């Protein structure tokens, strides 16, 4: 079971995203993907633009922290998880 963290519109947006990803990496032995709601991914792209850790396109796959991104619109608007 995963833990739920609220990634709201307040301060420290980048830090909250990075913390959620690192927590997922810590709990999952071999991460294979990051699942994100499309609205949150658009905000991540805009906020991390021109940063070293920004999402990158490799071929036809978008990578974030070295694993592929899966955008799932059926999840909550602030959903981000590592699988």
C-alpha atoms as a PDB file:
ATOM      1  CA  UNK A   1       0.000   0.000   0.000  1.00  0.00           C
ATOM      2  CA  UNK A   2       1.276   3.413  -0.893  1.00  0.00           C
ATOM      3  CA  UNK A   3       1.016   6.560   1.141  1.00  0.00           C
ATOM      4  CA  UNK A   4      -0.884   9.575  -0.101  1.00  0.00           C
ATOM      5  CA  UNK A   5       0.693  13.016  -0.053  1.00  0.00           C
ATOM      6  CA  UNK A   6      -1.085  16.215  -0.956  1.00  0.00           C
ATOM      7  CA  UNK A   7       0.797  18.152  -3.615  1.00  0.00           C
ATOM      8  CA  UNK A   8      -1.181  21.367  -3.570  1.00  0.00           C
ATOM      9  CA  UNK A   9      -0.675  24.728  -5.138  1.00  0.00           C
ATOM     10  CA  UNK A  10       1.265  26.122  -2.175  1.00  0.00           C
ATOM     11  CA  UNK A  11       4.943  26.855  -1.775  1.00  0.00           C
ATOM     12  CA  UNK A  12       7.717  24.320  -2.287  1.00  0.00           C
ATOM     13  CA  UNK A  13       6.053  22.601  -5.272  1.00  0.00           C
ATOM     14  CA  UNK A  14       9.353  21.327  -6.684  1.00  0.00           C
ATOM     15  CA  UNK A  15      10.511  20.075  -3.301  1.00  0.00           C
ATOM     16  CA  UNK A  16       7.248  18.176  -2.767  1.00  0.00           C
ATOM     17  CA  UNK A  17       7.519  16.510  -6.180  1.00  0.00           C
ATOM     18  CA  UNK A  18      11.162  15.562  -5.614  1.00  0.00           C
ATOM     19  CA  UNK A  19      10.348  14.229  -2.121  1.00  0.00           C
ATOM     20  CA  UNK A  20       7.484  12.100  -3.479  1.00  0.00           C
ATOM     21  CA  UNK A  21       9.730  10.641  -6.199  1.00  0.00           C
ATOM     22  CA  UNK A  22      12.604   9.945  -3.796  1.00  0.00           C
ATOM     23  CA  UNK A  23      10.217   8.326  -1.298  1.00  0.00           C
ATOM     24  CA  UNK A  24       8.915   6.117  -4.117  1.00  0.00           C
ATOM     25  CA  UNK A  25      12.466   5.185  -5.125  1.00  0.00           C
ATOM     26  CA  UNK A  26      13.216   4.298  -1.511  1.00  0.00           C
ATOM     27  CA  UNK A  27      10.190   2.002  -1.128  1.00  0.00           C
ATOM     28  CA  UNK A  28      10.303   0.346  -4.574  1.00  0.00           C
ATOM     29  CA  UNK A  29      13.358  -1.855  -5.216  1.00  0.00           C
ATOM     30  CA  UNK A  30      13.313  -1.644  -9.017  1.00  0.00           C
ATOM     31  CA  UNK A  31      11.174   1.292 -10.189  1.00  0.00           C
ATOM     32  CA  UNK A  32       9.859   0.898 -13.727  1.00  0.00           C
ATOM     33  CA  UNK A  33       7.622   3.949 -14.172  1.00  0.00           C
ATOM     34  CA  UNK A  34       6.199   7.109 -12.665  1.00  0.00           C
ATOM     35  CA  UNK A  35       2.413   7.512 -12.902  1.00  0.00           C
ATOM     36  CA  UNK A  36       1.181  11.107 -12.938  1.00  0.00           C
ATOM     37  CA  UNK A  37      -2.120  12.836 -13.644  1.00  0.00           C
ATOM     38  CA  UNK A  38      -1.804  14.794 -16.951  1.00  0.00           C
ATOM     39  CA  UNK A  39      -2.653  18.148 -15.302  1.00  0.00           C
ATOM     40  CA  UNK A  40       0.051  17.653 -12.685  1.00  0.00           C
ATOM     41  CA  UNK A  41       2.532  16.601 -15.383  1.00  0.00           C
ATOM     42  CA  UNK A  42       1.820  19.815 -17.312  1.00  0.00           C
ATOM     43  CA  UNK A  43       2.578  21.800 -14.156  1.00  0.00           C
ATOM     44  CA  UNK A  44       5.754  19.764 -13.554  1.00  0.00           C
ATOM     45  CA  UNK A  45       6.932  20.459 -17.121  1.00  0.00           C
ATOM     46  CA  UNK A  46       6.296  24.190 -16.689  1.00  0.00           C
ATOM     47  CA  UNK A  47       7.848  24.445 -13.226  1.00  0.00           C
ATOM     48  CA  UNK A  48      10.911  22.279 -13.930  1.00  0.00           C
ATOM     49  CA  UNK A  49      11.557  23.891 -17.344  1.00  0.00           C
ATOM     50  CA  UNK A  50      15.258  24.646 -17.901  1.00  0.00           C
ATOM     51  CA  UNK A  51      16.254  22.647 -14.806  1.00  0.00           C
ATOM     52  CA  UNK A  52      18.687  19.724 -14.804  1.00  0.00           C
ATOM     53  CA  UNK A  53      16.057  17.332 -13.439  1.00  0.00           C
ATOM     54  CA  UNK A  54      13.307  18.404 -15.861  1.00  0.00           C
ATOM     55  CA  UNK A  55      11.381  15.669 -17.701  1.00  0.00           C
ATOM     56  CA  UNK A  56      13.214  14.696 -20.893  1.00  0.00           C
ATOM     57  CA  UNK A  57      11.967  13.131 -24.119  1.00  0.00           C
ATOM     58  CA  UNK A  58      13.997  10.111 -25.204  1.00  0.00           C
ATOM     59  CA  UNK A  59      12.698   8.872 -28.517  1.00  0.00           C
ATOM     60  CA  UNK A  60       8.932   8.576 -28.089  1.00  0.00           C
ATOM     61  CA  UNK A  61       9.126   8.182 -24.283  1.00  0.00           C
ATOM     62  CA  UNK A  62       9.123  10.935 -21.692  1.00  0.00           C
ATOM     63  CA  UNK A  63      11.567  10.250 -18.853  1.00  0.00           C
ATOM     64  CA  UNK A  64      11.540  11.808 -15.376  1.00  0.00           C
ATOM     65  CA  UNK A  65      14.248  10.856 -12.865  1.00  0.00           C
ATOM     66  CA  UNK A  66      15.417   8.161 -15.286  1.00  0.00           C
ATOM     67  CA  UNK A  67      12.173   6.185 -15.584  1.00  0.00           C
ATOM     68  CA  UNK A  68       9.305   6.469 -18.093  1.00  0.00           C
ATOM     69  CA  UNK A  69       6.302   8.668 -17.289  1.00  0.00           C
ATOM     70  CA  UNK A  70       2.780   7.269 -17.582  1.00  0.00           C
ATOM     71  CA  UNK A  71       0.046   9.906 -17.646  1.00  0.00           C
ATOM     72  CA  UNK A  72      -3.194   8.511 -16.186  1.00  0.00           C
ATOM     73  CA  UNK A  73      -6.237  10.798 -16.294  1.00  0.00           C
ATOM     74  CA  UNK A  74      -8.291   8.393 -14.142  1.00  0.00           C
ATOM     75  CA  UNK A  75      -6.219   9.257 -11.048  1.00  0.00           C
ATOM     76  CA  UNK A  76      -6.728  12.277  -8.785  1.00  0.00           C
ATOM     77  CA  UNK A  77      -5.424  15.615 -10.067  1.00  0.00           C
ATOM     78  CA  UNK A  78      -2.527  15.624  -7.578  1.00  0.00           C
ATOM     79  CA  UNK A  79      -1.578  11.957  -8.087  1.00  0.00           C
ATOM     80  CA  UNK A  80       2.067  10.978  -8.532  1.00  0.00           C
ATOM     81  CA  UNK A  81       3.476   7.539  -7.764  1.00  0.00           C
ATOM     82  CA  UNK A  82       6.481   5.352  -8.498  1.00  0.00           C
ATOM     83  CA  UNK A  83       5.931   1.742  -9.585  1.00  0.00           C
END
